[in-house]
Amino acid sequence: MLSRAAILSAQRPAVAIAARTSATAAGNTDQLFQRPVRQEPGKVRMGFLPEEWFTLFYKKTGVTGPYTFGVGLATYLCSKEIYVMEHEYYSGLSLAIMVIYAVKKFGPLVAAYCDKEIDKISADWNQGRVDELNGYQEDIESEKTEQWRADGQLLLIEAKKENVALQLEAAYRERLARVYTEVKRRLDYQVECQHVERRVNQKHMVNWIVNNVLKSITPDQEKETLNKCILDLGAIASARK
């Protein structure tokens, strides 16, 4: 276990440095803030011996090397009485048998229960994160909606500006029409005044000429002219017969 811990502790700075270097090279800051992930324990043999202890012997002694070394070491410790087999040894052996039986019998159930509880706690933590992300997403959507509404307000303002421009144009054309009507009415008035003045002048001149002509005619001329007219009418009548 100590060797595996040492290997993992030695690997973590290298992994962190490699991750930091790759994040700097790629320019992605998300890799610097990765969420921790639960790691599974390393492989073991016989329930407590790390796999690394066995693979260490493979290059030198082959596959049977670790077992030969373990048996030889145990034989050496027992034969030289470095490890004395007293009554506590047999008590420990009995306890080890019971522990192994308990691990084999109840270990999967306890492991499944613990994994279930760990998954539940992890799911609760992750649910809080998911809820927070959903809240942020809703805020983003709300902000997008408000931006869309702001764009709609800009369109409404443009429409109001166009409406005001149309109203101003209508008022301008109405005033132009009013000016045209007033100018035409006054011009018509001036024209009518000139016509009336011309008619009055004409009538006055005609009356003046007629009166002067009548004044210049004597009664003898009038009688002579009347007789001449009667003769002319008689000649015309006889000519028609």
Protein backbone atom coordinates (compact mmCIF):
# COMPACT_ATOMS: atom_id res chain seq x y z
CA MET A 1 0.00 0.00 0.00
CA LEU A 2 2.86 2.37 0.82
CA SER A 3 4.47 1.82 -2.58
CA ARG A 4 1.19 2.54 -4.39
CA ALA A 5 0.68 5.69 -2.35
CA ALA A 6 4.22 6.79 -3.13
CA ILE A 7 3.71 6.11 -6.83
CA LEU A 8 0.42 8.00 -6.89
CA SER A 9 1.90 10.91 -4.92
CA ALA A 10 4.81 11.02 -7.37
CA GLN A 11 2.48 10.87 -10.33
CA ARG A 12 0.14 13.64 -9.15
CA PRO A 13 2.66 16.53 -9.49
CA ALA A 14 3.70 15.24 -12.92
CA VAL A 15 0.07 14.96 -13.99
CA ALA A 16 -0.67 18.42 -12.61
CA ILE A 17 2.36 19.91 -14.39
CA ALA A 18 1.44 18.16 -17.66
CA ALA A 19 -2.17 19.32 -17.35
CA ARG A 20 -1.08 22.88 -16.58
CA THR A 21 1.37 22.86 -19.51
CA SER A 22 -1.22 21.52 -21.94
CA ALA A 23 -3.76 24.04 -20.68
CA THR A 24 -1.30 26.89 -21.20
CA ALA A 25 -0.38 25.66 -24.67
CA ALA A 26 -4.00 25.20 -25.70
CA GLY A 27 -5.20 28.36 -24.03
CA ASN A 28 -8.11 26.55 -22.43
CA THR A 29 -8.60 27.64 -18.83
CA ASP A 30 -11.28 25.01 -18.17
CA GLN A 31 -8.58 22.32 -17.75
CA LEU A 32 -7.11 24.26 -14.82
CA PHE A 33 -10.39 23.96 -12.93
CA GLN A 34 -11.41 20.36 -13.52
CA ARG A 35 -13.82 18.89 -11.04
CA PRO A 36 -12.29 16.11 -8.91
CA VAL A 37 -13.38 12.63 -9.91
CA ARG A 38 -13.53 9.72 -7.52
CA GLN A 39 -10.72 7.27 -8.24
CA GLU A 40 -11.10 3.53 -7.99
CA PRO A 41 -8.61 1.67 -5.76
CA GLY A 42 -5.69 -0.16 -7.37
CA LYS A 43 -5.68 -3.88 -8.02
CA VAL A 44 -4.54 -6.21 -5.23
CA ARG A 45 -3.78 -9.89 -4.88
CA MET A 46 -4.72 -12.13 -1.98
CA GLY A 47 -6.92 -9.33 -0.73
CA PHE A 48 -4.18 -7.03 0.58
CA LEU A 49 -0.99 -7.26 -1.56
CA PRO A 50 -0.70 -4.52 -4.22
CA GLU A 51 -0.36 -5.53 -7.85
CA GLU A 52 2.75 -3.33 -8.16
CA TRP A 53 4.68 -5.62 -5.78
CA PHE A 54 4.18 -8.54 -8.18
CA THR A 55 4.89 -6.66 -11.39
CA LEU A 56 8.15 -5.45 -9.84
CA PHE A 57 9.56 -8.99 -9.97
CA TYR A 58 8.39 -9.88 -13.46
CA LYS A 59 11.37 -8.37 -15.30
CA LYS A 60 13.89 -10.15 -13.04
CA THR A 61 12.31 -13.42 -11.90
CA GLY A 62 9.26 -13.96 -14.10
CA VAL A 63 5.70 -14.67 -12.98
CA THR A 64 6.62 -17.11 -10.12
CA GLY A 65 9.22 -14.79 -8.63
CA PRO A 66 6.95 -12.90 -6.23
CA TYR A 67 5.44 -16.10 -4.86
CA THR A 68 8.88 -17.74 -4.48
CA PHE A 69 10.17 -14.65 -2.70
CA GLY A 70 7.16 -14.56 -0.37
CA VAL A 71 7.38 -18.25 0.51
CA GLY A 72 11.15 -18.07 0.96
CA LEU A 73 10.89 -15.00 3.17
CA ALA A 74 8.21 -16.62 5.32
CA THR A 75 10.29 -19.82 5.59
CA TYR A 76 13.37 -17.83 6.56
CA LEU A 77 11.52 -15.83 9.24
CA CYS A 78 9.94 -18.94 10.72
CA SER A 79 13.05 -21.18 10.55
CA LYS A 80 15.30 -18.57 12.17
CA GLU A 81 12.59 -17.91 14.77
CA ILE A 82 12.57 -14.25 13.82
CA TYR A 83 8.83 -14.63 13.70
CA VAL A 84 7.87 -16.76 16.71
CA MET A 85 4.66 -18.80 16.40
CA GLU A 86 3.27 -18.45 19.91
CA HIS A 87 -0.32 -18.58 21.06
CA GLU A 88 -1.02 -15.10 19.68
CA TYR A 89 -0.02 -16.37 16.24
CA TYR A 90 -2.77 -18.95 16.27
CA SER A 91 -5.22 -16.39 17.65
CA GLY A 92 -4.25 -14.06 14.83
CA LEU A 93 -4.53 -16.90 12.34
CA SER A 94 -8.04 -17.69 13.58
CA LEU A 95 -8.92 -14.00 13.48
CA ALA A 96 -7.53 -13.74 9.95
CA ILE A 97 -9.67 -16.69 8.85
CA MET A 98 -12.77 -15.08 10.32
CA VAL A 99 -11.92 -11.75 8.74
CA ILE A 100 -11.37 -13.37 5.35
CA TYR A 101 -14.66 -15.25 5.67
CA ALA A 102 -16.46 -12.05 6.66
CA VAL A 103 -14.89 -10.16 3.77
CA LYS A 104 -15.83 -12.88 1.30
CA LYS A 105 -19.33 -13.25 2.74
CA PHE A 106 -20.35 -9.69 3.58
CA GLY A 107 -17.79 -7.68 1.62
CA PRO A 108 -19.80 -7.38 -1.62
CA LEU A 109 -22.94 -6.36 0.28
CA VAL A 110 -21.09 -3.74 2.32
CA ALA A 111 -19.24 -2.54 -0.78
CA ALA A 112 -22.50 -2.27 -2.72
CA TYR A 113 -24.13 -0.35 0.15
CA CYS A 114 -21.15 1.99 0.47
CA ASP A 115 -21.02 2.54 -3.28
CA LYS A 116 -24.73 3.28 -3.26
CA GLU A 117 -24.35 5.83 -0.46
CA ILE A 118 -21.33 7.40 -2.18
CA ASP A 119 -23.24 7.60 -5.45
CA LYS A 120 -26.16 9.17 -3.60
CA ILE A 121 -23.94 11.79 -1.96
CA SER A 122 -22.20 12.46 -5.27
CA ALA A 123 -25.57 12.73 -7.01
CA ASP A 124 -26.75 15.22 -4.36
CA TRP A 125 -23.64 17.33 -4.85
CA ASN A 126 -23.93 17.08 -8.60
CA GLN A 127 -27.64 17.93 -8.43
CA GLY A 128 -26.78 21.18 -6.67
CA ARG A 129 -24.32 21.96 -9.44
CA VAL A 130 -26.87 21.03 -12.11
CA ASP A 131 -29.53 23.19 -10.43
CA GLU A 132 -27.10 26.10 -10.30
CA LEU A 133 -26.22 25.62 -13.97
CA ASN A 134 -29.92 25.46 -14.83
CA GLY A 135 -30.45 28.68 -12.89
CA TYR A 136 -27.64 30.35 -14.79
CA GLN A 137 -29.08 29.02 -18.05
CA GLU A 138 -32.48 30.44 -17.15
CA ASP A 139 -30.84 33.77 -16.35
CA ILE A 140 -29.12 33.68 -19.74
CA GLU A 141 -32.39 32.91 -21.49
CA SER A 142 -34.10 35.71 -19.55
CA GLU A 143 -31.32 38.08 -20.56
CA LYS A 144 -31.69 37.03 -24.19
CA THR A 145 -35.44 37.62 -23.92
CA GLU A 146 -34.85 41.08 -22.47
CA GLN A 147 -32.39 41.83 -25.27
CA TRP A 148 -35.01 40.69 -27.78
CA ARG A 149 -37.55 42.96 -26.11
CA ALA A 150 -35.05 45.81 -26.21
CA ASP A 151 -34.62 45.19 -29.94
CA GLY A 152 -38.40 45.26 -30.23
CA GLN A 153 -38.42 48.62 -28.44
CA LEU A 154 -35.92 49.91 -31.00
CA LEU A 155 -38.23 48.76 -33.80
CA LEU A 156 -41.17 50.39 -32.01
CA ILE A 157 -39.22 53.64 -31.70
CA GLU A 158 -38.40 53.52 -35.42
CA ALA A 159 -42.07 52.90 -36.20
CA LYS A 160 -43.07 55.86 -34.00
CA LYS A 161 -40.49 58.03 -35.77
CA GLU A 162 -41.93 57.02 -39.13
CA ASN A 163 -45.45 57.72 -37.85
CA VAL A 164 -44.41 61.18 -36.65
CA ALA A 165 -42.72 61.82 -39.99
CA LEU A 166 -45.92 60.81 -41.81
CA GLN A 167 -47.97 63.08 -39.55
CA LEU A 168 -45.59 65.97 -40.25
CA GLU A 169 -45.78 65.25 -43.97
CA ALA A 170 -49.59 65.18 -43.80
CA ALA A 171 -49.65 68.46 -41.87
CA TYR A 172 -47.22 70.00 -44.37
CA ARG A 173 -49.32 68.91 -47.34
CA GLU A 174 -52.49 70.13 -45.62
CA ARG A 175 -50.93 73.54 -45.07
CA LEU A 176 -49.72 73.59 -48.69
CA ALA A 177 -53.27 72.84 -49.82
CA ARG A 178 -54.60 75.57 -47.53
CA VAL A 179 -52.07 78.08 -48.89
CA TYR A 180 -52.96 77.09 -52.45
CA THR A 181 -56.68 77.52 -51.72
CA GLU A 182 -56.19 80.93 -50.08
CA VAL A 183 -53.92 82.18 -52.86
CA LYS A 184 -56.33 80.93 -55.54
CA ARG A 185 -59.28 82.55 -53.76
CA ARG A 186 -57.49 85.89 -53.58
CA LEU A 187 -56.34 85.67 -57.17
CA ASP A 188 -59.90 84.82 -58.24
CA TYR A 189 -61.07 87.83 -56.24
CA GLN A 190 -58.61 90.08 -58.04
CA VAL A 191 -59.62 88.64 -61.41
CA GLU A 192 -63.30 89.16 -60.61
CA CYS A 193 -62.58 92.70 -59.49
CA GLN A 194 -60.84 93.40 -62.78
CA HIS A 195 -63.76 91.88 -64.74
CA VAL A 196 -66.29 93.93 -62.82
CA GLU A 197 -64.25 97.07 -63.30
CA ARG A 198 -63.94 96.36 -67.04
CA ARG A 199 -67.71 95.73 -67.36
CA VAL A 200 -68.51 98.93 -65.50
CA ASN A 201 -66.11 100.88 -67.66
CA GLN A 202 -67.60 99.31 -70.79
CA LYS A 203 -71.14 100.06 -69.72
CA HIS A 204 -70.27 103.60 -68.78
CA MET A 205 -68.50 104.18 -72.13
CA VAL A 206 -71.40 102.68 -74.10
CA ASN A 207 -73.91 104.81 -72.23
CA TRP A 208 -71.77 107.89 -72.75
CA ILE A 209 -71.42 107.24 -76.48
CA VAL A 210 -75.15 106.50 -76.87
CA ASN A 211 -76.15 109.61 -74.98
CA ASN A 212 -73.78 111.81 -76.99
CA VAL A 213 -75.04 110.30 -80.26
CA LEU A 214 -78.66 110.82 -79.19
CA LYS A 215 -77.90 114.36 -78.21
CA SER A 216 -76.31 115.09 -81.64
CA ILE A 217 -79.40 113.81 -83.59
CA THR A 218 -82.03 116.52 -84.40
CA PRO A 219 -85.78 115.82 -84.69
CA ASP A 220 -85.67 116.31 -88.48
CA GLN A 221 -82.83 113.81 -88.80
CA GLU A 222 -84.70 111.40 -86.62
CA LYS A 223 -87.88 111.76 -88.73
CA GLU A 224 -85.93 111.43 -91.95
CA THR A 225 -84.12 108.35 -90.70
CA LEU A 226 -87.41 106.79 -89.57
CA ASN A 227 -89.01 107.33 -92.99
CA LYS A 228 -85.97 105.87 -94.68
CA CYS A 229 -86.18 102.80 -92.49
CA ILE A 230 -89.86 102.35 -93.34
CA LEU A 231 -89.06 102.58 -97.03
CA ASP A 232 -86.25 100.06 -96.67
CA LEU A 233 -88.56 97.63 -94.85
CA GLY A 234 -91.18 98.04 -97.57
CA ALA A 235 -88.63 97.38 -100.29
CA ILE A 236 -87.43 94.30 -98.49
CA ALA A 237 -90.98 93.03 -98.09
CA SER A 238 -91.84 93.58 -101.78
CA ALA A 239 -88.61 91.92 -102.79
CA ARG A 240 -89.54 88.84 -100.83
CA LYS A 241 -92.98 88.65 -102.50
